[in-house]
C-alpha cells in the first residue's frame, strides 16, 4: 500500500505501523502520563498549567501501581474537583490478575517537556471521560495549587485560548469519537 492510499483513508481506518512515520526525535527519557478529555454540554474541562502557560486537559504522571485510566480519573479529581468515568470500548473480562485488558484510551501522544530542568518526553495516554453527574448543568470546578485555573471552556471558543501542543488534535479526536457514538455532549 502506498502513502497516497493511506492518506485517502478515513481517520478511523487501521493502518500498518510500518507506514506511520514518526518525526526525528530527540534522545530524551520518557515519562508516562495520563490525561482526561472531559466533555459535557458542549464544553470541555481544561486547566491552565502554571509551568507551560497554556490550557490542556487535566492529567499528570501515572503513579506506581496505578493503571493509566485510574491516573486520569485521579488527576481530574485532584486538579478540578470533578468526578468522572472513563468511556471505553468494551474489553474482554478476565479474572486473572496476571493477564487482563485495560480501558481503551482515546489516543496516545508524545510531547516534549521540561521537568526539574531536564528535558523529557511525556508519553500521554489520553482518555475520553464523562462527568458522573451532569444533571444540574456543568459541575462546579475548583483548581488545585499546581494549576493557575481550572474551568469549563465552550467548545466553540476553544481556539481563542492558548492551548498546549497536541491539545487541539486530541480534542478533535474526542469529538469525532463522540459523533460516531452519538451520545450528547
N, C-alpha and C. Protein backbone atom coordinates (compact mmCIF):
# COMPACT_ATOMS: atom_id res chain seq x y z
N UNK A 1 0.85 -1.17 0.00
CA UNK A 1 0.00 0.00 0.00
C UNK A 1 0.90 1.23 0.00
N UNK A 2 0.63 2.19 -0.87
CA UNK A 2 1.46 3.39 -0.91
C UNK A 2 0.87 4.49 -0.02
N UNK A 3 1.64 5.56 0.20
CA UNK A 3 1.22 6.63 1.11
C UNK A 3 -0.03 7.35 0.62
N UNK A 4 -0.22 7.47 -0.69
CA UNK A 4 -1.43 8.14 -1.19
C UNK A 4 -2.67 7.35 -0.80
N UNK A 5 -2.57 6.04 -0.80
CA UNK A 5 -3.70 5.21 -0.37
C UNK A 5 -3.95 5.42 1.12
N UNK A 6 -2.90 5.47 1.92
CA UNK A 6 -3.06 5.70 3.35
C UNK A 6 -3.70 7.04 3.63
N UNK A 7 -3.28 8.08 2.93
CA UNK A 7 -3.82 9.41 3.16
C UNK A 7 -5.28 9.51 2.76
N UNK A 8 -5.71 8.70 1.82
CA UNK A 8 -7.09 8.75 1.37
C UNK A 8 -8.03 8.04 2.34
N UNK A 9 -7.50 7.24 3.23
CA UNK A 9 -8.34 6.52 4.19
C UNK A 9 -8.92 7.48 5.21
N UNK A 10 -10.01 7.06 5.80
CA UNK A 10 -10.62 7.87 6.85
C UNK A 10 -9.76 7.78 8.10
N UNK A 11 -9.90 8.74 9.03
CA UNK A 11 -9.11 8.69 10.26
C UNK A 11 -9.46 7.50 11.15
N UNK A 12 -10.55 6.79 10.83
CA UNK A 12 -10.95 5.63 11.64
C UNK A 12 -10.35 4.34 11.12
N UNK A 13 -9.68 4.38 9.98
CA UNK A 13 -9.13 3.17 9.39
C UNK A 13 -7.87 2.74 10.12
N UNK A 14 -7.65 1.44 10.12
CA UNK A 14 -6.41 0.91 10.68
C UNK A 14 -5.34 0.92 9.60
N UNK A 15 -4.12 1.24 9.99
CA UNK A 15 -3.01 1.23 9.05
C UNK A 15 -1.87 0.43 9.67
N UNK A 16 -1.01 -0.12 8.81
CA UNK A 16 0.17 -0.83 9.30
C UNK A 16 1.11 0.16 9.95
N UNK A 17 1.62 -0.19 11.10
CA UNK A 17 2.51 0.71 11.84
C UNK A 17 3.75 1.06 11.05
N UNK A 18 4.23 0.17 10.18
CA UNK A 18 5.43 0.47 9.41
C UNK A 18 5.21 1.67 8.48
N UNK A 19 3.96 1.99 8.19
CA UNK A 19 3.66 3.12 7.31
C UNK A 19 3.47 4.43 8.07
N UNK A 20 3.43 4.36 9.39
CA UNK A 20 3.26 5.56 10.20
C UNK A 20 4.63 6.16 10.49
N UNK A 21 4.89 7.30 9.92
CA UNK A 21 6.21 7.90 10.08
C UNK A 21 6.23 8.86 11.24
N UNK A 22 7.08 8.58 12.22
CA UNK A 22 7.28 9.49 13.33
C UNK A 22 8.36 10.49 12.94
N UNK A 23 8.30 11.69 13.51
CA UNK A 23 9.37 12.65 13.22
C UNK A 23 10.66 12.19 13.86
N UNK A 24 11.78 12.76 13.43
CA UNK A 24 13.04 12.50 14.11
C UNK A 24 12.89 13.00 15.54
N UNK A 25 13.21 12.15 16.48
CA UNK A 25 13.01 12.52 17.88
C UNK A 25 14.34 12.78 18.56
N UNK A 26 14.26 13.57 19.60
CA UNK A 26 15.42 13.80 20.45
C UNK A 26 15.62 12.54 21.30
N UNK A 27 16.82 12.29 21.69
CA UNK A 27 17.11 11.15 22.56
C UNK A 27 16.87 11.60 24.00
N UNK A 28 15.61 11.54 24.42
CA UNK A 28 15.21 12.02 25.74
C UNK A 28 14.56 10.90 26.53
N UNK A 29 14.66 10.96 27.86
CA UNK A 29 13.91 10.00 28.68
C UNK A 29 12.41 10.18 28.45
N UNK A 30 11.66 9.14 28.73
CA UNK A 30 10.21 9.19 28.55
C UNK A 30 9.51 8.96 29.88
N UNK A 31 8.51 9.80 30.15
CA UNK A 31 7.67 9.66 31.33
C UNK A 31 6.26 9.38 30.86
N UNK A 32 5.61 8.41 31.45
CA UNK A 32 4.23 8.11 31.07
C UNK A 32 3.26 8.93 31.91
N UNK A 33 2.34 9.57 31.22
CA UNK A 33 1.31 10.38 31.85
C UNK A 33 -0.06 9.93 31.35
N UNK A 34 -1.09 10.35 32.06
CA UNK A 34 -2.46 10.07 31.64
C UNK A 34 -3.24 11.37 31.74
N UNK A 35 -4.13 11.59 30.78
CA UNK A 35 -4.96 12.78 30.79
C UNK A 35 -6.40 12.39 30.49
N UNK A 36 -7.30 13.33 30.77
CA UNK A 36 -8.73 13.07 30.59
C UNK A 36 -9.37 14.18 29.77
N UNK A 37 -9.96 13.81 28.66
CA UNK A 37 -10.74 14.75 27.86
C UNK A 37 -12.18 14.60 28.35
N UNK A 38 -12.63 15.60 29.11
CA UNK A 38 -13.95 15.55 29.74
C UNK A 38 -14.87 16.52 29.00
N UNK A 39 -15.86 15.96 28.33
CA UNK A 39 -16.81 16.76 27.57
C UNK A 39 -18.17 16.73 28.26
N UNK A 40 -18.82 17.90 28.33
CA UNK A 40 -20.13 17.99 28.97
C UNK A 40 -20.85 19.23 28.43
N UNK A 41 -22.03 19.04 27.90
CA UNK A 41 -22.88 20.17 27.47
C UNK A 41 -22.14 21.15 26.56
N UNK A 42 -21.46 20.62 25.56
CA UNK A 42 -20.70 21.40 24.57
C UNK A 42 -19.58 22.23 25.20
N UNK A 43 -19.04 21.73 26.30
CA UNK A 43 -17.89 22.33 26.97
C UNK A 43 -16.85 21.25 27.20
N UNK A 44 -15.63 21.69 27.45
CA UNK A 44 -14.54 20.78 27.80
C UNK A 44 -13.89 21.29 29.07
N UNK A 45 -13.56 20.36 29.96
CA UNK A 45 -12.89 20.69 31.21
C UNK A 45 -11.40 20.86 30.93
N UNK A 46 -10.86 22.03 31.27
CA UNK A 46 -9.46 22.32 30.99
C UNK A 46 -8.80 22.95 32.22
N UNK A 47 -7.47 22.83 32.27
CA UNK A 47 -6.69 23.51 33.30
C UNK A 47 -5.65 24.38 32.61
N UNK A 48 -5.35 25.50 33.24
CA UNK A 48 -4.29 26.37 32.74
C UNK A 48 -3.04 26.02 33.55
N UNK A 49 -2.07 25.43 32.87
CA UNK A 49 -0.87 24.90 33.50
C UNK A 49 0.09 26.03 33.84
N UNK A 50 0.57 26.05 35.07
CA UNK A 50 1.47 27.12 35.52
C UNK A 50 2.77 27.15 34.73
N UNK A 51 3.44 26.01 34.60
CA UNK A 51 4.77 25.99 34.00
C UNK A 51 4.75 26.28 32.50
N UNK A 52 3.77 25.75 31.78
CA UNK A 52 3.78 25.95 30.33
C UNK A 52 2.88 27.09 29.88
N UNK A 53 2.13 27.68 30.79
CA UNK A 53 1.30 28.86 30.49
C UNK A 53 0.35 28.62 29.32
N UNK A 54 -0.32 27.47 29.35
CA UNK A 54 -1.28 27.13 28.29
C UNK A 54 -2.36 26.23 28.88
N UNK A 55 -3.47 26.11 28.14
CA UNK A 55 -4.60 25.28 28.55
C UNK A 55 -4.43 23.86 28.02
N UNK A 56 -4.82 22.89 28.85
CA UNK A 56 -4.79 21.49 28.44
C UNK A 56 -5.75 20.70 29.32
N UNK A 57 -6.10 19.49 28.89
CA UNK A 57 -6.96 18.65 29.73
C UNK A 57 -6.23 18.27 31.02
N UNK A 58 -6.97 18.05 32.10
CA UNK A 58 -6.33 17.63 33.35
C UNK A 58 -5.57 16.31 33.14
N UNK A 59 -4.45 16.19 33.83
CA UNK A 59 -3.66 14.97 33.71
C UNK A 59 -2.35 15.10 34.44
N UNK A 60 -1.60 14.00 34.44
CA UNK A 60 -0.31 14.01 35.11
C UNK A 60 0.33 12.64 35.08
N UNK A 61 1.40 12.51 35.81
CA UNK A 61 2.16 11.26 35.85
C UNK A 61 1.34 10.11 36.43
N UNK A 62 1.60 8.93 35.91
CA UNK A 62 0.97 7.71 36.41
C UNK A 62 1.79 7.26 37.62
N UNK A 63 1.14 7.13 38.75
CA UNK A 63 1.82 6.72 39.97
C UNK A 63 2.15 5.23 39.93
N UNK A 64 3.13 4.83 40.73
CA UNK A 64 3.50 3.42 40.85
C UNK A 64 2.28 2.62 41.29
N UNK A 65 2.03 1.50 40.64
CA UNK A 65 0.91 0.64 40.99
C UNK A 65 -0.44 1.10 40.46
N UNK A 66 -0.45 2.18 39.71
CA UNK A 66 -1.70 2.76 39.20
C UNK A 66 -1.84 2.44 37.72
N UNK A 67 -3.03 2.11 37.29
CA UNK A 67 -3.30 1.89 35.88
C UNK A 67 -3.54 3.25 35.22
N UNK A 68 -3.27 3.38 33.92
CA UNK A 68 -3.42 4.68 33.25
C UNK A 68 -4.80 5.31 33.41
N UNK A 69 -5.87 4.53 33.25
CA UNK A 69 -7.21 5.10 33.37
C UNK A 69 -7.48 5.58 34.80
N UNK A 70 -6.91 4.89 35.79
CA UNK A 70 -7.06 5.32 37.18
C UNK A 70 -6.34 6.65 37.41
N UNK A 71 -5.18 6.80 36.80
CA UNK A 71 -4.43 8.06 36.92
C UNK A 71 -5.22 9.21 36.32
N UNK A 72 -5.84 8.99 35.17
CA UNK A 72 -6.62 10.05 34.52
C UNK A 72 -7.77 10.51 35.42
N UNK A 73 -8.50 9.56 35.99
CA UNK A 73 -9.62 9.89 36.88
C UNK A 73 -9.11 10.62 38.13
N UNK A 74 -8.01 10.13 38.71
CA UNK A 74 -7.45 10.78 39.90
C UNK A 74 -7.01 12.20 39.60
N UNK A 75 -6.32 12.39 38.47
CA UNK A 75 -5.82 13.73 38.13
C UNK A 75 -6.97 14.72 37.93
N UNK A 76 -8.07 14.28 37.32
CA UNK A 76 -9.23 15.18 37.16
C UNK A 76 -9.74 15.59 38.54
N UNK A 77 -9.90 14.63 39.43
CA UNK A 77 -10.39 14.92 40.78
C UNK A 77 -9.44 15.88 41.50
N UNK A 78 -8.12 15.59 41.44
CA UNK A 78 -7.15 16.43 42.16
C UNK A 78 -7.06 17.83 41.59
N UNK A 79 -7.06 17.96 40.27
CA UNK A 79 -6.84 19.27 39.66
C UNK A 79 -8.10 20.12 39.53
N UNK A 80 -9.29 19.47 39.51
CA UNK A 80 -10.52 20.23 39.26
C UNK A 80 -11.64 19.97 40.26
N UNK A 81 -11.55 18.88 41.02
CA UNK A 81 -12.62 18.52 41.93
C UNK A 81 -13.79 17.82 41.27
N UNK A 82 -13.73 17.58 39.97
CA UNK A 82 -14.81 16.95 39.23
C UNK A 82 -14.61 15.44 39.22
N UNK A 83 -15.69 14.69 39.45
CA UNK A 83 -15.65 13.23 39.41
C UNK A 83 -16.07 12.75 38.02
N UNK A 84 -15.28 11.84 37.43
CA UNK A 84 -15.55 11.37 36.08
C UNK A 84 -15.44 9.85 35.98
N UNK A 85 -16.00 9.34 34.89
CA UNK A 85 -15.83 7.95 34.47
C UNK A 85 -15.13 7.95 33.13
N UNK A 86 -14.35 6.92 32.88
CA UNK A 86 -13.70 6.74 31.58
C UNK A 86 -14.69 6.06 30.63
N UNK A 87 -14.80 6.59 29.42
CA UNK A 87 -15.58 5.96 28.37
C UNK A 87 -14.62 5.11 27.56
N UNK A 88 -14.97 3.86 27.34
CA UNK A 88 -14.07 2.96 26.65
C UNK A 88 -14.87 1.94 25.87
N UNK A 89 -14.23 1.41 24.85
CA UNK A 89 -14.83 0.29 24.14
C UNK A 89 -14.84 -0.89 25.10
N UNK A 90 -15.82 -1.79 24.97
CA UNK A 90 -15.84 -2.96 25.85
C UNK A 90 -14.57 -3.79 25.69
N UNK A 91 -14.06 -4.25 26.80
CA UNK A 91 -12.86 -5.08 26.81
C UNK A 91 -13.25 -6.48 27.28
N UNK A 92 -12.51 -7.50 26.86
CA UNK A 92 -12.78 -8.84 27.38
C UNK A 92 -12.61 -8.87 28.90
N UNK A 93 -13.51 -9.56 29.57
CA UNK A 93 -13.45 -9.67 31.02
C UNK A 93 -12.49 -10.80 31.39
N UNK A 94 -11.71 -10.56 32.43
CA UNK A 94 -10.78 -11.59 32.89
C UNK A 94 -10.75 -11.57 34.40
N UNK A 95 -10.64 -12.74 35.02
CA UNK A 95 -10.46 -12.80 36.47
C UNK A 95 -9.03 -13.21 36.81
N UNK A 96 -8.15 -13.10 35.82
CA UNK A 96 -6.76 -13.48 36.00
C UNK A 96 -5.93 -12.24 36.36
N UNK A 97 -5.41 -12.15 37.58
CA UNK A 97 -4.64 -10.97 37.96
C UNK A 97 -3.29 -10.86 37.25
N UNK A 98 -2.92 -11.90 36.50
CA UNK A 98 -1.64 -11.88 35.80
C UNK A 98 -1.77 -11.48 34.34
N UNK A 99 -2.99 -11.45 33.81
CA UNK A 99 -3.19 -11.10 32.39
C UNK A 99 -4.61 -10.60 32.21
N UNK A 100 -4.74 -9.32 31.86
CA UNK A 100 -6.06 -8.73 31.73
C UNK A 100 -6.00 -7.56 30.77
N UNK A 101 -7.15 -7.05 30.38
CA UNK A 101 -7.24 -5.93 29.45
C UNK A 101 -7.54 -4.65 30.23
N UNK A 102 -6.99 -3.55 29.74
CA UNK A 102 -7.21 -2.23 30.34
C UNK A 102 -8.19 -1.44 29.49
N UNK A 103 -8.73 -0.38 30.09
CA UNK A 103 -9.62 0.50 29.34
C UNK A 103 -8.90 1.04 28.11
N UNK A 104 -9.61 1.10 27.02
CA UNK A 104 -9.04 1.57 25.76
C UNK A 104 -8.94 3.10 25.76
N UNK A 105 -7.75 3.64 25.51
CA UNK A 105 -7.61 5.10 25.50
C UNK A 105 -8.18 5.72 24.22
N UNK A 106 -8.43 7.00 24.29
CA UNK A 106 -8.79 7.77 23.11
C UNK A 106 -7.61 7.79 22.15
N UNK A 107 -6.42 8.08 22.69
CA UNK A 107 -5.20 8.10 21.88
C UNK A 107 -4.00 8.18 22.81
N UNK A 108 -2.83 8.04 22.22
CA UNK A 108 -1.57 8.27 22.91
C UNK A 108 -0.79 9.28 22.09
N UNK A 109 -0.12 10.20 22.76
CA UNK A 109 0.67 11.18 22.03
C UNK A 109 1.89 11.57 22.85
N UNK A 110 2.91 12.04 22.16
CA UNK A 110 4.14 12.43 22.82
C UNK A 110 4.33 13.93 22.76
N UNK A 111 4.81 14.50 23.86
CA UNK A 111 5.05 15.94 23.95
C UNK A 111 6.36 16.17 24.69
N UNK A 112 7.22 16.96 24.11
CA UNK A 112 8.49 17.31 24.76
C UNK A 112 8.18 18.24 25.94
N UNK A 113 8.78 17.96 27.08
CA UNK A 113 8.53 18.73 28.30
C UNK A 113 9.85 18.94 29.04
N UNK A 114 9.82 19.84 30.02
CA UNK A 114 10.96 20.06 30.90
C UNK A 114 10.49 19.84 32.32
N UNK A 115 11.16 18.94 33.02
CA UNK A 115 10.83 18.65 34.42
C UNK A 115 12.08 18.81 35.27
N UNK A 116 12.00 19.71 36.23
CA UNK A 116 13.13 19.94 37.14
C UNK A 116 14.41 20.18 36.36
N UNK A 117 14.30 20.95 35.28
CA UNK A 117 15.45 21.31 34.47
C UNK A 117 15.91 20.26 33.47
N UNK A 118 15.23 19.12 33.41
CA UNK A 118 15.60 18.04 32.50
C UNK A 118 14.55 17.90 31.40
N UNK A 119 15.01 17.82 30.14
CA UNK A 119 14.08 17.60 29.04
C UNK A 119 13.67 16.13 28.98
N UNK A 120 12.38 15.91 28.78
CA UNK A 120 11.82 14.56 28.69
C UNK A 120 10.71 14.57 27.64
N UNK A 121 10.27 13.40 27.26
CA UNK A 121 9.03 13.27 26.51
C UNK A 121 7.96 12.78 27.47
N UNK A 122 6.83 13.44 27.46
CA UNK A 122 5.66 12.89 28.13
C UNK A 122 4.94 12.05 27.09
N UNK A 123 4.86 10.76 27.34
CA UNK A 123 4.07 9.86 26.50
C UNK A 123 2.72 9.80 27.20
N UNK A 124 1.77 10.57 26.67
CA UNK A 124 0.49 10.75 27.33
C UNK A 124 -0.55 9.77 26.79
N UNK A 125 -1.24 9.11 27.70
CA UNK A 125 -2.34 8.22 27.36
C UNK A 125 -3.61 9.00 27.69
N UNK A 126 -4.29 9.46 26.64
CA UNK A 126 -5.47 10.32 26.81
C UNK A 126 -6.74 9.48 26.79
N UNK A 127 -7.61 9.73 27.76
CA UNK A 127 -8.87 9.00 27.86
C UNK A 127 -10.04 9.96 27.67
N UNK A 128 -11.06 9.47 26.99
CA UNK A 128 -12.31 10.21 26.85
C UNK A 128 -13.13 9.92 28.10
N UNK A 129 -13.62 10.97 28.76
CA UNK A 129 -14.35 10.81 30.02
C UNK A 129 -15.64 11.60 30.01
N UNK A 130 -16.53 11.21 30.93
CA UNK A 130 -17.75 11.99 31.15
C UNK A 130 -17.91 12.19 32.65
N UNK A 131 -18.60 13.28 33.00
CA UNK A 131 -18.82 13.55 34.41
C UNK A 131 -19.82 12.54 34.97
N UNK A 132 -19.68 12.24 36.25
CA UNK A 132 -20.57 11.28 36.89
C UNK A 132 -21.99 11.82 36.99
N UNK A 133 -22.12 13.12 37.25
CA UNK A 133 -23.45 13.69 37.40
C UNK A 133 -23.49 15.07 36.74
N UNK A 134 -24.14 15.14 35.58
CA UNK A 134 -24.29 16.45 34.90
C UNK A 134 -25.75 16.88 34.88
N UNK A 135 -26.54 16.37 35.84
CA UNK A 135 -27.98 16.65 35.83
C UNK A 135 -28.28 18.12 36.10
N UNK A 136 -27.40 18.81 36.78
CA UNK A 136 -27.64 20.22 37.10
C UNK A 136 -26.78 21.16 36.26
N UNK A 137 -26.46 20.79 35.04
CA UNK A 137 -25.60 21.61 34.21
C UNK A 137 -24.16 21.21 34.37
N UNK A 138 -23.27 22.16 34.18
CA UNK A 138 -21.84 21.88 34.31
C UNK A 138 -21.46 21.77 35.78
N UNK A 139 -20.77 20.72 36.17
CA UNK A 139 -20.36 20.59 37.57
C UNK A 139 -19.44 21.73 37.99
N UNK A 140 -19.53 22.07 39.27
CA UNK A 140 -18.66 23.10 39.83
C UNK A 140 -17.21 22.63 39.75
N UNK A 141 -16.33 23.59 39.54
CA UNK A 141 -14.91 23.30 39.38
C UNK A 141 -14.13 24.11 40.41
N UNK A 142 -13.14 23.47 40.99
CA UNK A 142 -12.15 24.18 41.82
C UNK A 142 -10.79 23.84 41.24
N UNK A 143 -9.80 24.63 41.53
CA UNK A 143 -8.49 24.29 40.97
C UNK A 143 -7.47 24.04 42.07
N UNK A 144 -6.58 23.12 41.77
CA UNK A 144 -5.50 22.76 42.69
C UNK A 144 -4.39 23.80 42.60
N UNK A 145 -3.52 23.77 43.58
CA UNK A 145 -2.40 24.71 43.63
C UNK A 145 -1.47 24.58 42.43
N UNK A 146 -1.40 23.38 41.85
CA UNK A 146 -0.46 23.14 40.76
C UNK A 146 -0.89 23.75 39.42
N UNK A 147 -2.12 24.23 39.34
CA UNK A 147 -2.59 24.88 38.11
C UNK A 147 -3.05 26.30 38.42
N UNK A 148 -2.95 27.17 37.42
CA UNK A 148 -3.41 28.55 37.59
C UNK A 148 -4.92 28.63 37.71
N UNK A 149 -5.59 27.80 36.92
CA UNK A 149 -7.05 27.88 36.85
C UNK A 149 -7.57 26.57 36.27
N UNK A 150 -8.79 26.23 36.62
CA UNK A 150 -9.50 25.11 36.02
C UNK A 150 -10.90 25.59 35.72
N UNK A 151 -11.40 25.28 34.53
CA UNK A 151 -12.76 25.69 34.20
C UNK A 151 -13.26 24.99 32.95
N UNK A 152 -14.56 25.11 32.76
CA UNK A 152 -15.20 24.59 31.56
C UNK A 152 -15.05 25.64 30.46
N UNK A 153 -14.51 25.23 29.32
CA UNK A 153 -14.40 26.12 28.17
C UNK A 153 -15.41 25.67 27.12
N UNK A 154 -16.13 26.62 26.54
CA UNK A 154 -17.06 26.28 25.47
C UNK A 154 -16.27 25.75 24.28
N UNK A 155 -16.71 24.64 23.73
CA UNK A 155 -16.01 24.06 22.57
C UNK A 155 -15.93 25.05 21.42
N UNK A 156 -16.97 25.85 21.22
CA UNK A 156 -16.96 26.83 20.13
C UNK A 156 -15.92 27.92 20.33
N UNK A 157 -15.48 28.14 21.56
CA UNK A 157 -14.50 29.19 21.86
C UNK A 157 -13.09 28.67 22.07
N UNK A 158 -12.90 27.37 21.93
CA UNK A 158 -11.62 26.75 22.28
C UNK A 158 -10.42 27.36 21.55
N UNK A 159 -10.59 27.70 20.29
CA UNK A 159 -9.46 28.24 19.52
C UNK A 159 -9.07 29.66 19.91
N UNK A 160 -9.83 30.30 20.78
CA UNK A 160 -9.46 31.63 21.24
C UNK A 160 -8.53 31.57 22.47
N UNK A 161 -8.22 30.36 22.94
CA UNK A 161 -7.33 30.17 24.08
C UNK A 161 -5.98 29.64 23.61
N UNK A 162 -4.94 29.94 24.36
CA UNK A 162 -3.62 29.38 24.08
C UNK A 162 -3.63 27.94 24.60
N UNK A 163 -3.51 27.01 23.67
CA UNK A 163 -3.55 25.59 24.01
C UNK A 163 -2.15 25.00 23.98
N UNK A 164 -1.92 24.01 24.83
CA UNK A 164 -0.65 23.28 24.81
C UNK A 164 -0.57 22.46 23.52
N UNK A 165 0.62 22.01 23.21
CA UNK A 165 0.84 21.22 21.99
C UNK A 165 -0.04 19.97 21.99
N UNK A 166 -0.55 19.62 20.83
CA UNK A 166 -1.38 18.45 20.56
C UNK A 166 -2.80 18.55 21.10
N UNK A 167 -3.12 19.54 21.91
CA UNK A 167 -4.44 19.59 22.55
C UNK A 167 -5.55 19.69 21.51
N UNK A 168 -5.42 20.54 20.53
CA UNK A 168 -6.48 20.69 19.52
C UNK A 168 -6.74 19.35 18.82
N UNK A 169 -5.68 18.65 18.46
CA UNK A 169 -5.83 17.38 17.75
C UNK A 169 -6.48 16.31 18.65
N UNK A 170 -6.11 16.29 19.92
CA UNK A 170 -6.71 15.33 20.85
C UNK A 170 -8.20 15.63 21.03
N UNK A 171 -8.54 16.89 21.18
CA UNK A 171 -9.96 17.28 21.30
C UNK A 171 -10.72 16.91 20.04
N UNK A 172 -10.13 17.14 18.88
CA UNK A 172 -10.79 16.77 17.62
C UNK A 172 -11.04 15.26 17.55
N UNK A 173 -10.09 14.46 18.02
CA UNK A 173 -10.28 13.00 18.06
C UNK A 173 -11.44 12.65 18.98
N UNK A 174 -11.52 13.32 20.12
CA UNK A 174 -12.61 13.06 21.07
C UNK A 174 -13.96 13.42 20.46
N UNK A 175 -14.02 14.57 19.80
CA UNK A 175 -15.29 14.98 19.19
C UNK A 175 -15.70 14.03 18.07
N UNK A 176 -14.74 13.57 17.29
CA UNK A 176 -15.05 12.62 16.22
C UNK A 176 -15.56 11.30 16.81
N UNK A 177 -14.94 10.86 17.89
CA UNK A 177 -15.37 9.61 18.52
C UNK A 177 -16.77 9.77 19.11
N UNK A 178 -17.05 10.89 19.72
CA UNK A 178 -18.39 11.13 20.28
C UNK A 178 -19.42 11.19 19.17
N UNK A 179 -19.08 11.80 18.05
CA UNK A 179 -20.03 11.89 16.93
C UNK A 179 -20.35 10.50 16.39
N UNK A 180 -19.35 9.62 16.34
CA UNK A 180 -19.59 8.25 15.87
C UNK A 180 -20.44 7.45 16.86
N UNK A 181 -20.29 7.75 18.15
CA UNK A 181 -21.01 7.03 19.18
C UNK A 181 -22.41 7.59 19.41
N UNK A 182 -22.63 8.81 18.98
CA UNK A 182 -23.91 9.52 19.07
C UNK A 182 -24.37 9.96 20.46
N UNK A 183 -23.55 9.90 21.51
CA UNK A 183 -24.05 10.46 22.77
C UNK A 183 -24.01 11.98 22.73
N UNK A 184 -24.87 12.59 23.49
CA UNK A 184 -24.89 14.06 23.58
C UNK A 184 -23.75 14.54 24.44
N UNK A 185 -23.14 15.64 24.04
CA UNK A 185 -22.10 16.24 24.88
C UNK A 185 -22.60 17.59 25.29
